[in-house]
Structure formats: C-alpha cells, structure tokens
Amino acid sequence: MLEDQMKRGGYPTPDDVIRAGIASVELHGAFEPGELDRLLAEGEADVAAGHLHDGEAFFRQLDESSAARRQGRTP
C-alpha cells in the first residue's frame, strides 16, 4: 500500500506518505486536539512491545469476511 502511494503520489519515502496522511487527517478535523498524538504513541508502544500484525494478512481476511457477508455466509 505504501509503495502504491509512493508511486501514485510521487512520495520519495514511506515516511512522506504517512506524514501526508496525518496532515490530511488533521486538516479535516477527524480527531480531537491531542487525540492523534495519543493514538500514535499507543501504536509506537505496541510496536516497541512487539505487538505487530501482518497488514496484508489483515486486509486479506477483511476482504474474505466482507465477501462472505455479501454472499450471505458467516465468515
């Protein structure tokens, strides 16, 4: 996903993609003041503690669950 955004948006690094995303969220007021900083700190603490998830596996599972629901099946 980051690589796709880098190619489409002309971002030189993954950090630039993330910064642009954060700036967009902040610009549109999706979070209360300080909330984004708190959530980012929580995420960083999870990473430091080794609580990681495979993003591609998560989205694959999400797609499968969505497809099952659309077909009237329980995932």
N, C-alpha and C. Protein backbone atom coordinates (compact mmCIF):
# COMPACT_ATOMS: atom_id res chain seq x y z
N MET A 1 0.81 -1.19 0.00
CA MET A 1 0.00 0.00 0.00
C MET A 1 0.86 1.26 0.00
N LEU A 2 1.87 1.29 0.87
CA LEU A 2 2.75 2.45 0.89
C LEU A 2 3.46 2.62 -0.44
N GLU A 3 3.91 1.50 -1.01
CA GLU A 3 4.62 1.56 -2.28
C GLU A 3 3.71 2.12 -3.37
N ASP A 4 2.44 1.72 -3.36
CA ASP A 4 1.49 2.23 -4.35
C ASP A 4 1.31 3.73 -4.21
N GLN A 5 1.17 4.20 -2.98
CA GLN A 5 1.01 5.63 -2.74
C GLN A 5 2.27 6.39 -3.15
N MET A 6 3.42 5.79 -2.90
CA MET A 6 4.68 6.44 -3.28
C MET A 6 4.73 6.63 -4.79
N LYS A 7 4.32 5.61 -5.54
CA LYS A 7 4.33 5.69 -7.00
C LYS A 7 3.30 6.69 -7.52
N ARG A 8 2.07 6.60 -6.99
CA ARG A 8 0.99 7.47 -7.46
C ARG A 8 1.18 8.91 -7.03
N GLY A 9 1.62 9.10 -5.79
CA GLY A 9 1.68 10.44 -5.26
C GLY A 9 3.03 11.10 -5.37
N GLY A 10 4.02 10.38 -5.87
CA GLY A 10 5.34 10.97 -6.02
C GLY A 10 6.06 11.19 -4.70
N TYR A 11 5.72 10.37 -3.69
CA TYR A 11 6.39 10.50 -2.40
C TYR A 11 7.71 9.72 -2.43
N PRO A 12 8.80 10.34 -1.98
CA PRO A 12 10.09 9.64 -2.05
C PRO A 12 10.27 8.53 -1.01
N THR A 13 9.58 8.60 0.13
CA THR A 13 9.77 7.61 1.18
C THR A 13 8.42 7.24 1.81
N PRO A 14 8.35 6.06 2.47
CA PRO A 14 7.13 5.71 3.20
C PRO A 14 6.79 6.74 4.27
N ASP A 15 7.80 7.30 4.93
CA ASP A 15 7.53 8.33 5.94
C ASP A 15 6.79 9.52 5.35
N ASP A 16 7.13 9.89 4.11
CA ASP A 16 6.45 11.01 3.47
C ASP A 16 4.98 10.70 3.22
N VAL A 17 4.68 9.46 2.85
CA VAL A 17 3.28 9.04 2.67
C VAL A 17 2.53 9.17 3.98
N ILE A 18 3.12 8.67 5.05
CA ILE A 18 2.47 8.71 6.37
C ILE A 18 2.27 10.14 6.83
N ARG A 19 3.29 10.97 6.65
CA ARG A 19 3.15 12.38 7.04
C ARG A 19 2.03 13.06 6.26
N ALA A 20 1.93 12.78 4.97
CA ALA A 20 0.87 13.37 4.16
C ALA A 20 -0.50 12.91 4.65
N GLY A 21 -0.60 11.63 5.00
CA GLY A 21 -1.87 11.10 5.52
C GLY A 21 -2.26 11.75 6.83
N ILE A 22 -1.29 11.90 7.70
CA ILE A 22 -1.56 12.55 9.00
C ILE A 22 -1.97 14.00 8.79
N ALA A 23 -1.27 14.70 7.90
CA ALA A 23 -1.61 16.10 7.63
C ALA A 23 -3.03 16.21 7.09
N SER A 24 -3.41 15.28 6.23
CA SER A 24 -4.76 15.29 5.67
C SER A 24 -5.81 15.08 6.75
N VAL A 25 -5.55 14.11 7.63
CA VAL A 25 -6.50 13.83 8.72
C VAL A 25 -6.62 15.06 9.63
N GLU A 26 -5.48 15.66 9.97
CA GLU A 26 -5.51 16.82 10.84
C GLU A 26 -6.24 17.98 10.17
N LEU A 27 -6.04 18.15 8.88
CA LEU A 27 -6.67 19.24 8.14
C LEU A 27 -8.19 19.10 8.14
N HIS A 28 -8.67 17.88 8.07
CA HIS A 28 -10.11 17.65 8.01
C HIS A 28 -10.74 17.51 9.39
N GLY A 29 -9.96 17.64 10.44
CA GLY A 29 -10.52 17.65 11.79
C GLY A 29 -11.13 16.35 12.23
N ALA A 30 -10.57 15.23 11.80
CA ALA A 30 -11.15 13.93 12.16
C ALA A 30 -10.89 13.55 13.61
N PHE A 31 -9.96 14.23 14.26
CA PHE A 31 -9.60 13.89 15.64
C PHE A 31 -9.72 15.11 16.54
N GLU A 32 -9.97 14.86 17.79
CA GLU A 32 -9.95 15.91 18.79
C GLU A 32 -8.51 16.36 19.00
N PRO A 33 -8.29 17.57 19.47
CA PRO A 33 -6.91 18.01 19.72
C PRO A 33 -6.18 17.05 20.65
N GLY A 34 -5.00 16.62 20.23
CA GLY A 34 -4.18 15.72 21.03
C GLY A 34 -4.50 14.25 20.84
N GLU A 35 -5.65 13.93 20.27
CA GLU A 35 -6.06 12.53 20.12
C GLU A 35 -5.14 11.77 19.16
N LEU A 36 -4.79 12.40 18.05
CA LEU A 36 -3.92 11.73 17.09
C LEU A 36 -2.56 11.44 17.70
N ASP A 37 -2.01 12.39 18.44
CA ASP A 37 -0.73 12.15 19.11
C ASP A 37 -0.82 10.99 20.09
N ARG A 38 -1.92 10.91 20.82
CA ARG A 38 -2.12 9.82 21.78
C ARG A 38 -2.20 8.48 21.05
N LEU A 39 -2.95 8.43 19.96
CA LEU A 39 -3.09 7.18 19.20
C LEU A 39 -1.76 6.75 18.58
N LEU A 40 -1.00 7.71 18.08
CA LEU A 40 0.31 7.38 17.52
C LEU A 40 1.25 6.86 18.60
N ALA A 41 1.20 7.46 19.78
CA ALA A 41 2.04 6.99 20.89
C ALA A 41 1.66 5.57 21.29
N GLU A 42 0.36 5.28 21.30
CA GLU A 42 -0.09 3.92 21.61
C GLU A 42 0.44 2.93 20.57
N GLY A 43 0.37 3.31 19.30
CA GLY A 43 0.87 2.45 18.24
C GLY A 43 2.36 2.21 18.35
N GLU A 44 3.10 3.26 18.64
CA GLU A 44 4.55 3.13 18.81
C GLU A 44 4.88 2.23 19.99
N ALA A 45 4.11 2.34 21.07
CA ALA A 45 4.34 1.49 22.24
C ALA A 45 4.06 0.02 21.89
N ASP A 46 3.00 -0.22 21.09
CA ASP A 46 2.70 -1.59 20.66
C ASP A 46 3.85 -2.16 19.82
N VAL A 47 4.37 -1.36 18.92
CA VAL A 47 5.49 -1.81 18.08
C VAL A 47 6.69 -2.13 18.95
N ALA A 48 6.99 -1.24 19.88
CA ALA A 48 8.14 -1.44 20.77
C ALA A 48 7.99 -2.71 21.61
N ALA A 49 6.74 -3.05 21.96
CA ALA A 49 6.47 -4.24 22.77
C ALA A 49 6.37 -5.51 21.91
N GLY A 50 6.50 -5.34 20.59
CA GLY A 50 6.44 -6.50 19.70
C GLY A 50 5.04 -6.93 19.32
N HIS A 51 4.05 -6.09 19.59
CA HIS A 51 2.67 -6.41 19.24
C HIS A 51 2.40 -5.96 17.80
N LEU A 52 2.81 -6.78 16.86
CA LEU A 52 2.70 -6.44 15.45
C LEU A 52 1.73 -7.37 14.75
N HIS A 53 1.14 -6.88 13.67
CA HIS A 53 0.23 -7.67 12.85
C HIS A 53 0.65 -7.52 11.40
N ASP A 54 0.45 -8.56 10.64
CA ASP A 54 0.72 -8.53 9.21
C ASP A 54 -0.43 -7.78 8.54
N GLY A 55 -0.16 -6.58 8.05
CA GLY A 55 -1.19 -5.75 7.44
C GLY A 55 -1.84 -6.40 6.24
N GLU A 56 -1.05 -7.01 5.37
CA GLU A 56 -1.61 -7.65 4.18
C GLU A 56 -2.51 -8.82 4.56
N ALA A 57 -2.12 -9.60 5.56
CA ALA A 57 -2.95 -10.71 6.02
C ALA A 57 -4.26 -10.19 6.61
N PHE A 58 -4.19 -9.09 7.35
CA PHE A 58 -5.39 -8.50 7.94
C PHE A 58 -6.38 -8.08 6.86
N PHE A 59 -5.88 -7.34 5.85
CA PHE A 59 -6.77 -6.85 4.80
C PHE A 59 -7.30 -8.00 3.94
N ARG A 60 -6.52 -9.05 3.75
CA ARG A 60 -6.98 -10.23 3.02
C ARG A 60 -8.13 -10.87 3.78
N GLN A 61 -7.98 -11.01 5.10
CA GLN A 61 -9.04 -11.59 5.93
C GLN A 61 -10.28 -10.70 5.92
N LEU A 62 -10.08 -9.40 5.97
CA LEU A 62 -11.20 -8.45 5.92
C LEU A 62 -11.95 -8.59 4.60
N ASP A 63 -11.22 -8.68 3.49
CA ASP A 63 -11.85 -8.87 2.19
C ASP A 63 -12.64 -10.17 2.14
N GLU A 64 -12.08 -11.23 2.68
CA GLU A 64 -12.76 -12.53 2.70
C GLU A 64 -14.04 -12.47 3.54
N SER A 65 -13.96 -11.81 4.69
CA SER A 65 -15.13 -11.68 5.56
C SER A 65 -16.21 -10.85 4.88
N SER A 66 -15.82 -9.79 4.21
CA SER A 66 -16.79 -8.94 3.51
C SER A 66 -17.46 -9.71 2.38
N ALA A 67 -16.68 -10.45 1.62
CA ALA A 67 -17.24 -11.24 0.52
C ALA A 67 -18.21 -12.28 1.06
N ALA A 68 -17.87 -12.92 2.17
CA ALA A 68 -18.75 -13.92 2.77
C ALA A 68 -20.06 -13.29 3.22
N ARG A 69 -19.99 -12.11 3.83
CA ARG A 69 -21.22 -11.43 4.27
C ARG A 69 -22.10 -11.05 3.08
N ARG A 70 -21.47 -10.57 2.00
CA ARG A 70 -22.24 -10.20 0.80
C ARG A 70 -22.94 -11.42 0.21
N GLN A 71 -22.35 -12.58 0.36
CA GLN A 71 -22.93 -13.81 -0.18
C GLN A 71 -23.86 -14.48 0.83
N GLY A 72 -24.06 -13.84 1.98
CA GLY A 72 -24.98 -14.36 2.98
C GLY A 72 -24.40 -15.48 3.83
N ARG A 73 -23.06 -15.60 3.82
CA ARG A 73 -22.41 -16.62 4.64
C ARG A 73 -21.81 -15.95 5.85
N THR A 74 -21.66 -16.74 6.91
CA THR A 74 -20.95 -16.26 8.10
C THR A 74 -19.48 -16.60 7.93
N PRO A 75 -18.60 -15.60 8.07
CA PRO A 75 -17.17 -15.87 7.89
C PRO A 75 -16.60 -16.78 8.95
